[in-house]
């Protein structure tokens, strides 16, 4: 999966904080790398974390934007 590719790249390139280089070397789109960069949490956990850190905000679109997840994925785990 793209998430695993990004994670493996980060593990094999310790100390290199370069999303563009990761994208080039893995063949992934830069936006895909950005989506999974630092997001070792599952999609479900990311949505739950967002809801906890944004109490009282019932906005799936904002959650999707902030987490980099698709709107349907956020809706699935809302």
PDB file of N, CA and C in Angstrom:
ATOM      1  N   UNK A   1       0.838  -1.190   0.000  1.00  0.00           N
ATOM      2  CA  UNK A   1       0.000   0.000   0.000  1.00  0.00           C
ATOM      3  C   UNK A   1       0.878   1.248   0.000  1.00  0.00           C
ATOM      4  N   UNK A   2       0.360   2.372  -0.451  1.00  0.00           N
ATOM      5  CA  UNK A   2       1.143   3.615  -0.426  1.00  0.00           C
ATOM      6  C   UNK A   2       1.612   3.965   0.989  1.00  0.00           C
ATOM      7  N   UNK A   3       0.753   3.744   1.977  1.00  0.00           N
ATOM      8  CA  UNK A   3       1.130   4.037   3.360  1.00  0.00           C
ATOM      9  C   UNK A   3       2.364   3.228   3.757  1.00  0.00           C
ATOM     10  N   UNK A   4       2.372   1.943   3.402  1.00  0.00           N
ATOM     11  CA  UNK A   4       3.513   1.092   3.735  1.00  0.00           C
ATOM     12  C   UNK A   4       4.772   1.511   2.984  1.00  0.00           C
ATOM     13  N   UNK A   5       4.624   1.923   1.720  1.00  0.00           N
ATOM     14  CA  UNK A   5       5.788   2.378   0.952  1.00  0.00           C
ATOM     15  C   UNK A   5       6.431   3.600   1.603  1.00  0.00           C
ATOM     16  N   UNK A   6       5.599   4.539   2.019  1.00  0.00           N
ATOM     17  CA  UNK A   6       6.127   5.744   2.665  1.00  0.00           C
ATOM     18  C   UNK A   6       6.802   5.379   3.983  1.00  0.00           C
ATOM     19  N   UNK A   7       6.159   4.542   4.769  1.00  0.00           N
ATOM     20  CA  UNK A   7       6.734   4.137   6.051  1.00  0.00           C
ATOM     21  C   UNK A   7       8.063   3.409   5.854  1.00  0.00           C
ATOM     22  N   UNK A   8       8.120   2.485   4.897  1.00  0.00           N
ATOM     23  CA  UNK A   8       9.364   1.756   4.626  1.00  0.00           C
ATOM     24  C   UNK A   8      10.460   2.707   4.167  1.00  0.00           C
ATOM     25  N   UNK A   9      10.093   3.681   3.321  1.00  0.00           N
ATOM     26  CA  UNK A   9      11.082   4.651   2.845  1.00  0.00           C
ATOM     27  C   UNK A   9      11.638   5.441   4.024  1.00  0.00           C
ATOM     28  N   UNK A  10      10.761   5.887   4.912  1.00  0.00           N
ATOM     29  CA  UNK A  10      11.203   6.667   6.069  1.00  0.00           C
ATOM     30  C   UNK A  10      12.115   5.841   6.978  1.00  0.00           C
ATOM     31  N   UNK A  11      11.804   4.569   7.121  1.00  0.00           N
ATOM     32  CA  UNK A  11      12.626   3.692   7.967  1.00  0.00           C
ATOM     33  C   UNK A  11      14.004   3.504   7.355  1.00  0.00           C
ATOM     34  N   UNK A  12      14.062   3.349   6.031  1.00  0.00           N
ATOM     35  CA  UNK A  12      15.347   3.098   5.371  1.00  0.00           C
ATOM     36  C   UNK A  12      16.122   4.382   5.072  1.00  0.00           C
ATOM     37  N   UNK A  13      15.533   5.533   5.361  1.00  0.00           N
ATOM     38  CA  UNK A  13      16.205   6.822   5.154  1.00  0.00           C
ATOM     39  C   UNK A  13      16.109   7.666   6.427  1.00  0.00           C
ATOM     40  N   UNK A  14      16.668   7.160   7.526  1.00  0.00           N
ATOM     41  CA  UNK A  14      16.546   7.900   8.790  1.00  0.00           C
ATOM     42  C   UNK A  14      17.207   9.273   8.695  1.00  0.00           C
ATOM     43  N   UNK A  15      16.549  10.249   9.260  1.00  0.00           N
ATOM     44  CA  UNK A  15      17.112  11.595   9.278  1.00  0.00           C
ATOM     45  C   UNK A  15      16.861  12.393   8.016  1.00  0.00           C
ATOM     46  N   UNK A  16      16.263  11.775   7.003  1.00  0.00           N
ATOM     47  CA  UNK A  16      15.967  12.507   5.765  1.00  0.00           C
ATOM     48  C   UNK A  16      14.488  12.879   5.783  1.00  0.00           C
ATOM     49  N   UNK A  17      14.230  14.176   5.897  1.00  0.00           N
ATOM     50  CA  UNK A  17      12.862  14.674   5.972  1.00  0.00           C
ATOM     51  C   UNK A  17      12.532  15.358   4.647  1.00  0.00           C
ATOM     52  N   UNK A  18      12.359  14.559   3.596  1.00  0.00           N
ATOM     53  CA  UNK A  18      12.192  15.107   2.257  1.00  0.00           C
ATOM     54  C   UNK A  18      11.106  14.326   1.515  1.00  0.00           C
ATOM     55  N   UNK A  19       9.902  14.892   1.508  1.00  0.00           N
ATOM     56  CA  UNK A  19       8.768  14.228   0.868  1.00  0.00           C
ATOM     57  C   UNK A  19       8.953  14.097  -0.638  1.00  0.00           C
ATOM     58  N   UNK A  20       9.555  15.104  -1.265  1.00  0.00           N
ATOM     59  CA  UNK A  20       9.755  15.059  -2.715  1.00  0.00           C
ATOM     60  C   UNK A  20      10.704  13.935  -3.104  1.00  0.00           C
ATOM     61  N   UNK A  21      11.756  13.761  -2.344  1.00  0.00           N
ATOM     62  CA  UNK A  21      12.700  12.679  -2.615  1.00  0.00           C
ATOM     63  C   UNK A  21      12.019  11.323  -2.424  1.00  0.00           C
ATOM     64  N   UNK A  22      11.221  11.208  -1.376  1.00  0.00           N
ATOM     65  CA  UNK A  22      10.469   9.976  -1.135  1.00  0.00           C
ATOM     66  C   UNK A  22       9.553   9.688  -2.325  1.00  0.00           C
ATOM     67  N   UNK A  23       8.865  10.703  -2.809  1.00  0.00           N
ATOM     68  CA  UNK A  23       7.962  10.523  -3.948  1.00  0.00           C
ATOM     69  C   UNK A  23       8.726  10.039  -5.177  1.00  0.00           C
ATOM     70  N   UNK A  24       9.855  10.668  -5.471  1.00  0.00           N
ATOM     71  CA  UNK A  24      10.659  10.263  -6.636  1.00  0.00           C
ATOM     72  C   UNK A  24      11.136   8.819  -6.511  1.00  0.00           C
ATOM     73  N   UNK A  25      11.633   8.468  -5.338  1.00  0.00           N
ATOM     74  CA  UNK A  25      12.226   7.138  -5.158  1.00  0.00           C
ATOM     75  C   UNK A  25      11.192   6.024  -5.048  1.00  0.00           C
ATOM     76  N   UNK A  26       9.985   6.343  -4.608  1.00  0.00           N
ATOM     77  CA  UNK A  26       8.954   5.309  -4.488  1.00  0.00           C
ATOM     78  C   UNK A  26       8.033   5.266  -5.700  1.00  0.00           C
ATOM     79  N   UNK A  27       8.064   6.329  -6.522  1.00  0.00           N
ATOM     80  CA  UNK A  27       7.176   6.401  -7.671  1.00  0.00           C
ATOM     81  C   UNK A  27       5.774   6.868  -7.312  1.00  0.00           C
ATOM     82  N   UNK A  28       5.598   7.286  -6.062  1.00  0.00           N
ATOM     83  CA  UNK A  28       4.298   7.785  -5.625  1.00  0.00           C
ATOM     84  C   UNK A  28       4.155   9.263  -5.965  1.00  0.00           C
ATOM     85  N   UNK A  29       2.918   9.715  -6.068  1.00  0.00           N
ATOM     86  CA  UNK A  29       2.636  11.130  -6.252  1.00  0.00           C
ATOM     87  C   UNK A  29       3.016  11.877  -4.973  1.00  0.00           C
ATOM     88  N   UNK A  30       3.480  13.104  -5.107  1.00  0.00           N
ATOM     89  CA  UNK A  30       3.891  13.915  -3.956  1.00  0.00           C
ATOM     90  C   UNK A  30       2.734  14.080  -2.967  1.00  0.00           C
ATOM     91  N   UNK A  31       1.516  14.243  -3.479  1.00  0.00           N
ATOM     92  CA  UNK A  31       0.354  14.402  -2.595  1.00  0.00           C
ATOM     93  C   UNK A  31       0.083  13.124  -1.807  1.00  0.00           C
ATOM     94  N   UNK A  32       0.332  11.984  -2.426  1.00  0.00           N
ATOM     95  CA  UNK A  32       0.144  10.707  -1.735  1.00  0.00           C
ATOM     96  C   UNK A  32       1.161  10.567  -0.615  1.00  0.00           C
ATOM     97  N   UNK A  33       2.401  10.934  -0.903  1.00  0.00           N
ATOM     98  CA  UNK A  33       3.441  10.889   0.136  1.00  0.00           C
ATOM     99  C   UNK A  33       3.062  11.823   1.283  1.00  0.00           C
ATOM    100  N   UNK A  34       2.622  13.032   0.958  1.00  0.00           N
ATOM    101  CA  UNK A  34       2.246  13.996   1.999  1.00  0.00           C
ATOM    102  C   UNK A  34       1.105  13.466   2.861  1.00  0.00           C
ATOM    103  N   UNK A  35       0.179  12.765   2.219  1.00  0.00           N
ATOM    104  CA  UNK A  35      -0.964  12.211   2.950  1.00  0.00           C
ATOM    105  C   UNK A  35      -0.509  11.256   4.045  1.00  0.00           C
ATOM    106  N   UNK A  36       0.475  10.425   3.734  1.00  0.00           N
ATOM    107  CA  UNK A  36       0.893   9.388   4.674  1.00  0.00           C
ATOM    108  C   UNK A  36       2.113   9.764   5.498  1.00  0.00           C
ATOM    109  N   UNK A  37       2.727  10.892   5.221  1.00  0.00           N
ATOM    110  CA  UNK A  37       3.931  11.321   5.942  1.00  0.00           C
ATOM    111  C   UNK A  37       3.554  11.627   7.389  1.00  0.00           C
ATOM    112  N   UNK A  38       4.051  10.873   8.319  1.00  0.00           N
ATOM    113  CA  UNK A  38       3.758  11.111   9.715  1.00  0.00           C
ATOM    114  C   UNK A  38       2.401  10.575  10.145  1.00  0.00           C
ATOM    115  N   UNK A  39       1.723   9.902   9.248  1.00  0.00           N
ATOM    116  CA  UNK A  39       0.406   9.352   9.567  1.00  0.00           C
ATOM    117  C   UNK A  39       0.488   7.834   9.662  1.00  0.00           C
ATOM    118  N   UNK A  40       1.163   7.376  10.669  1.00  0.00           N
ATOM    119  CA  UNK A  40       1.260   5.938  10.851  1.00  0.00           C
ATOM    120  C   UNK A  40      -0.026   5.374  11.465  1.00  0.00           C
ATOM    121  N   UNK A  41      -0.927   6.266  11.857  1.00  0.00           N
ATOM    122  CA  UNK A  41      -2.211   5.827  12.380  1.00  0.00           C
ATOM    123  C   UNK A  41      -3.109   5.347  11.244  1.00  0.00           C
ATOM    124  N   UNK A  42      -3.985   4.414  11.544  1.00  0.00           N
ATOM    125  CA  UNK A  42      -4.963   3.970  10.548  1.00  0.00           C
ATOM    126  C   UNK A  42      -5.926   5.119  10.260  1.00  0.00           C
ATOM    127  N   UNK A  43      -6.643   5.010   9.157  1.00  0.00           N
ATOM    128  CA  UNK A  43      -7.615   6.043   8.799  1.00  0.00           C
ATOM    129  C   UNK A  43      -8.644   6.211   9.912  1.00  0.00           C
ATOM    130  N   UNK A  44      -9.112   5.097  10.461  1.00  0.00           N
ATOM    131  CA  UNK A  44     -10.090   5.155  11.540  1.00  0.00           C
ATOM    132  C   UNK A  44      -9.519   5.913  12.743  1.00  0.00           C
ATOM    133  N   UNK A  45      -8.267   5.612  13.091  1.00  0.00           N
ATOM    134  CA  UNK A  45      -7.634   6.279  14.229  1.00  0.00           C
ATOM    135  C   UNK A  45      -7.405   7.761  13.953  1.00  0.00           C
ATOM    136  N   UNK A  46      -7.078   8.105  12.695  1.00  0.00           N
ATOM    137  CA  UNK A  46      -6.880   9.513  12.351  1.00  0.00           C
ATOM    138  C   UNK A  46      -8.173  10.304  12.516  1.00  0.00           C
ATOM    139  N   UNK A  47      -9.283   9.722  12.082  1.00  0.00           N
ATOM    140  CA  UNK A  47     -10.576  10.402  12.216  1.00  0.00           C
ATOM    141  C   UNK A  47     -10.926  10.554  13.699  1.00  0.00           C
ATOM    142  N   UNK A  48     -10.722   9.501  14.470  1.00  0.00           N
ATOM    143  CA  UNK A  48     -11.022   9.556  15.898  1.00  0.00           C
ATOM    144  C   UNK A  48     -10.159  10.619  16.580  1.00  0.00           C
ATOM    145  N   UNK A  49      -8.882  10.649  16.251  1.00  0.00           N
ATOM    146  CA  UNK A  49      -7.983  11.636  16.842  1.00  0.00           C
ATOM    147  C   UNK A  49      -8.432  13.052  16.479  1.00  0.00           C
ATOM    148  N   UNK A  50      -8.816  13.260  15.220  1.00  0.00           N
ATOM    149  CA  UNK A  50      -9.262  14.587  14.796  1.00  0.00           C
ATOM    150  C   UNK A  50     -10.493  15.011  15.573  1.00  0.00           C
ATOM    151  N   UNK A  51     -11.447  14.087  15.727  1.00  0.00           N
ATOM    152  CA  UNK A  51     -12.681  14.415  16.457  1.00  0.00           C
ATOM    153  C   UNK A  51     -12.387  14.756  17.923  1.00  0.00           C
ATOM    154  N   UNK A  52     -11.442  14.064  18.516  1.00  0.00           N
ATOM    155  CA  UNK A  52     -11.085  14.322  19.914  1.00  0.00           C
ATOM    156  C   UNK A  52     -10.401  15.681  20.045  1.00  0.00           C
ATOM    157  N   UNK A  53      -9.545  16.012  19.084  1.00  0.00           N
ATOM    158  CA  UNK A  53      -8.799  17.271  19.165  1.00  0.00           C
ATOM    159  C   UNK A  53      -9.587  18.463  18.629  1.00  0.00           C
ATOM    160  N   UNK A  54     -10.768  18.223  18.087  1.00  0.00           N
ATOM    161  CA  UNK A  54     -11.636  19.295  17.582  1.00  0.00           C
ATOM    162  C   UNK A  54     -13.044  19.128  18.159  1.00  0.00           C
ATOM    163  N   UNK A  55     -13.158  19.202  19.497  1.00  0.00           N
ATOM    164  CA  UNK A  55     -14.464  18.969  20.119  1.00  0.00           C
ATOM    165  C   UNK A  55     -15.498  19.995  19.657  1.00  0.00           C
ATOM    166  N   UNK A  56     -16.693  19.510  19.415  1.00  0.00           N
ATOM    167  CA  UNK A  56     -17.776  20.402  19.023  1.00  0.00           C
ATOM    168  C   UNK A  56     -17.784  20.781  17.557  1.00  0.00           C
ATOM    169  N   UNK A  57     -16.799  20.322  16.789  1.00  0.00           N
ATOM    170  CA  UNK A  57     -16.762  20.633  15.359  1.00  0.00           C
ATOM    171  C   UNK A  57     -17.250  19.399  14.597  1.00  0.00           C
ATOM    172  N   UNK A  58     -18.407  19.525  13.975  1.00  0.00           N
ATOM    173  CA  UNK A  58     -19.002  18.414  13.231  1.00  0.00           C
ATOM    174  C   UNK A  58     -18.849  18.704  11.743  1.00  0.00           C
ATOM    175  N   UNK A  59     -17.608  18.606  11.257  1.00  0.00           N
ATOM    176  CA  UNK A  59     -17.309  19.005   9.884  1.00  0.00           C
ATOM    177  C   UNK A  59     -16.416  17.955   9.226  1.00  0.00           C
ATOM    178  N   UNK A  60     -17.034  17.028   8.511  1.00  0.00           N
ATOM    179  CA  UNK A  60     -16.277  15.956   7.861  1.00  0.00           C
ATOM    180  C   UNK A  60     -15.314  16.496   6.801  1.00  0.00           C
ATOM    181  N   UNK A  61     -15.734  17.528   6.078  1.00  0.00           N
ATOM    182  CA  UNK A  61     -14.879  18.100   5.034  1.00  0.00           C
ATOM    183  C   UNK A  61     -13.609  18.691   5.629  1.00  0.00           C
ATOM    184  N   UNK A  62     -13.741  19.374   6.763  1.00  0.00           N
ATOM    185  CA  UNK A  62     -12.557  19.948   7.410  1.00  0.00           C
ATOM    186  C   UNK A  62     -11.646  18.849   7.926  1.00  0.00           C
ATOM    187  N   UNK A  63     -12.242  17.794   8.472  1.00  0.00           N
ATOM    188  CA  UNK A  63     -11.455  16.649   8.939  1.00  0.00           C
ATOM    189  C   UNK A  63     -10.672  16.044   7.777  1.00  0.00           C
ATOM    190  N   UNK A  64     -11.343  15.880   6.636  1.00  0.00           N
ATOM    191  CA  UNK A  64     -10.684  15.315   5.455  1.00  0.00           C
ATOM    192  C   UNK A  64      -9.515  16.200   5.021  1.00  0.00           C
ATOM    193  N   UNK A  65      -9.745  17.493   4.997  1.00  0.00           N
ATOM    194  CA  UNK A  65      -8.689  18.433   4.595  1.00  0.00           C
ATOM    195  C   UNK A  65      -7.508  18.367   5.558  1.00  0.00           C
ATOM    196  N   UNK A  66      -7.792  18.368   6.845  1.00  0.00           N
ATOM    197  CA  UNK A  66      -6.730  18.378   7.848  1.00  0.00           C
ATOM    198  C   UNK A  66      -5.936  17.079   7.902  1.00  0.00           C
ATOM    199  N   UNK A  67      -6.598  15.955   7.668  1.00  0.00           N
ATOM    200  CA  UNK A  67      -5.921  14.658   7.776  1.00  0.00           C
ATOM    201  C   UNK A  67      -5.341  14.172   6.462  1.00  0.00           C
ATOM    202  N   UNK A  68      -5.809  14.743   5.342  1.00  0.00           N
ATOM    203  CA  UNK A  68      -5.361  14.266   4.037  1.00  0.00           C
ATOM    204  C   UNK A  68      -6.124  13.035   3.571  1.00  0.00           C
ATOM    205  N   UNK A  69      -7.131  12.640   4.329  1.00  0.00           N
ATOM    206  CA  UNK A  69      -7.960  11.507   3.934  1.00  0.00           C
ATOM    207  C   UNK A  69      -9.047  11.978   2.979  1.00  0.00           C
ATOM    208  N   UNK A  70      -9.593  11.045   2.203  1.00  0.00           N
ATOM    209  CA  UNK A  70     -10.692  11.407   1.301  1.00  0.00           C
ATOM    210  C   UNK A  70     -11.958  11.632   2.121  1.00  0.00           C
ATOM    211  N   UNK A  71     -12.875  12.404   1.571  1.00  0.00           N
ATOM    212  CA  UNK A  71     -14.146  12.685   2.251  1.00  0.00           C
ATOM    213  C   UNK A  71     -14.926  11.385   2.510  1.00  0.00           C
ATOM    214  N   UNK A  72     -14.996  10.458   1.530  1.00  0.00           N
ATOM    215  CA  UNK A  72     -15.699   9.188   1.799  1.00  0.00           C
ATOM    216  C   UNK A  72     -15.043   8.363   2.916  1.00  0.00           C
ATOM    217  N   UNK A  73     -13.721   8.404   3.004  1.00  0.00           N
ATOM    218  CA  UNK A  73     -13.031   7.667   4.065  1.00  0.00           C
ATOM    219  C   UNK A  73     -13.374   8.258   5.425  1.00  0.00           C
ATOM    220  N   UNK A  74     -13.361   9.586   5.501  1.00  0.00           N
ATOM    221  CA  UNK A  74     -13.735  10.239   6.757  1.00  0.00           C
ATOM    222  C   UNK A  74     -15.172   9.874   7.131  1.00  0.00           C
ATOM    223  N   UNK A  75     -16.070   9.939   6.150  1.00  0.00           N
ATOM    224  CA  UNK A  75     -17.473   9.623   6.415  1.00  0.00           C
ATOM    225  C   UNK A  75     -17.634   8.183   6.910  1.00  0.00           C
ATOM    226  N   UNK A  76     -16.841   7.278   6.364  1.00  0.00           N
ATOM    227  CA  UNK A  76     -16.916   5.875   6.763  1.00  0.00           C
ATOM    228  C   UNK A  76     -16.604   5.698   8.252  1.00  0.00           C
ATOM    229  N   UNK A  77     -15.646   6.455   8.746  1.00  0.00           N
ATOM    230  CA  UNK A  77     -15.192   6.278  10.125  1.00  0.00           C
ATOM    231  C   UNK A  77     -15.733   7.330  11.080  1.00  0.00           C
ATOM    232  N   UNK A  78     -16.612   8.226  10.600  1.00  0.00           N
ATOM    233  CA  UNK A  78     -17.123   9.326  11.413  1.00  0.00           C
ATOM    234  C   UNK A  78     -17.897   8.838  12.586  1.00  0.00           C
TER     235      UNK A  78
END
